[in-house]
Amino acid sequence: MPSVSSKVLTRNNQVKPVTKVKLPQPRRN
C-alpha cells in the first residue's frame, strides 16, 4: 500500500523529519 505510505509520509514530513531520511526530497529544505 504505497498510497497510504505516501500520505502518512507527507503528513509526518511536517511533524517529524523522518521522511527526509527515507525520502530525500527538497520539500522542507
N, C-alpha and C. Protein backbone atom coordinates (compact mmCIF):
# COMPACT_ATOMS: atom_id res chain seq x y z
N MET A 1 0.84 -1.20 0.00
CA MET A 1 0.00 0.00 0.00
C MET A 1 0.88 1.26 0.00
N PRO A 2 1.43 1.57 -1.14
CA PRO A 2 2.28 2.77 -1.27
C PRO A 2 1.46 4.05 -1.17
N SER A 3 0.19 3.92 -1.48
CA SER A 3 -0.69 5.10 -1.42
C SER A 3 -0.83 5.58 0.02
N VAL A 4 -1.05 4.65 0.92
CA VAL A 4 -1.20 5.02 2.33
C VAL A 4 0.13 5.52 2.88
N SER A 5 1.20 4.85 2.51
CA SER A 5 2.53 5.24 2.99
C SER A 5 2.86 6.66 2.54
N SER A 6 2.53 6.94 1.31
CA SER A 6 2.82 8.28 0.75
C SER A 6 2.07 9.35 1.55
N LYS A 7 0.86 9.05 1.90
CA LYS A 7 0.05 10.03 2.66
C LYS A 7 0.62 10.22 4.06
N VAL A 8 0.97 9.12 4.68
CA VAL A 8 1.50 9.20 6.06
C VAL A 8 2.85 9.90 6.06
N LEU A 9 3.66 9.61 5.05
CA LEU A 9 4.99 10.23 4.98
C LEU A 9 4.85 11.74 4.78
N THR A 10 3.97 12.10 3.90
CA THR A 10 3.79 13.53 3.63
C THR A 10 3.29 14.24 4.89
N ARG A 11 2.46 13.59 5.64
CA ARG A 11 1.91 14.21 6.86
C ARG A 11 3.01 14.26 7.92
N ASN A 12 3.74 13.19 8.05
CA ASN A 12 4.81 13.16 9.06
C ASN A 12 5.94 14.11 8.69
N ASN A 13 6.05 14.39 7.42
CA ASN A 13 7.12 15.28 6.97
C ASN A 13 7.02 16.63 7.66
N GLN A 14 5.83 17.06 7.96
CA GLN A 14 5.64 18.36 8.60
C GLN A 14 5.83 18.25 10.11
N VAL A 15 5.61 17.07 10.64
CA VAL A 15 5.75 16.90 12.09
C VAL A 15 7.11 16.31 12.44
N LYS A 16 7.50 15.29 11.72
CA LYS A 16 8.80 14.63 12.00
C LYS A 16 9.67 14.62 10.74
N PRO A 17 10.91 14.96 10.89
CA PRO A 17 11.84 14.96 9.74
C PRO A 17 12.31 13.56 9.39
N VAL A 18 11.51 12.58 9.73
CA VAL A 18 11.91 11.19 9.42
C VAL A 18 11.79 10.93 7.92
N THR A 19 10.85 11.62 7.31
CA THR A 19 10.66 11.41 5.87
C THR A 19 11.89 11.88 5.10
N LYS A 20 12.55 12.87 5.63
CA LYS A 20 13.73 13.40 4.93
C LYS A 20 14.78 12.30 4.76
N VAL A 21 14.89 11.46 5.75
CA VAL A 21 15.88 10.38 5.68
C VAL A 21 15.39 9.28 4.75
N LYS A 22 14.11 9.00 4.80
CA LYS A 22 13.56 7.92 3.95
C LYS A 22 13.40 8.44 2.52
N LEU A 23 12.87 9.64 2.40
CA LEU A 23 12.66 10.22 1.05
C LEU A 23 13.41 11.54 0.94
N PRO A 24 14.59 11.52 0.38
CA PRO A 24 15.40 12.74 0.24
C PRO A 24 14.78 13.72 -0.76
N GLN A 25 13.68 14.33 -0.37
CA GLN A 25 13.02 15.28 -1.28
C GLN A 25 13.20 16.71 -0.79
N PRO A 26 13.58 17.61 -1.65
CA PRO A 26 13.77 19.03 -1.28
C PRO A 26 12.45 19.73 -0.99
N ARG A 27 11.74 19.20 -0.01
CA ARG A 27 10.41 19.80 0.30
C ARG A 27 10.58 20.76 1.48
N ARG A 28 11.19 20.30 2.54
CA ARG A 28 11.35 21.15 3.72
C ARG A 28 12.59 22.03 3.57
N ASN A 29 13.51 21.60 2.78
CA ASN A 29 14.75 22.39 2.62
C ASN A 29 14.42 23.74 2.00
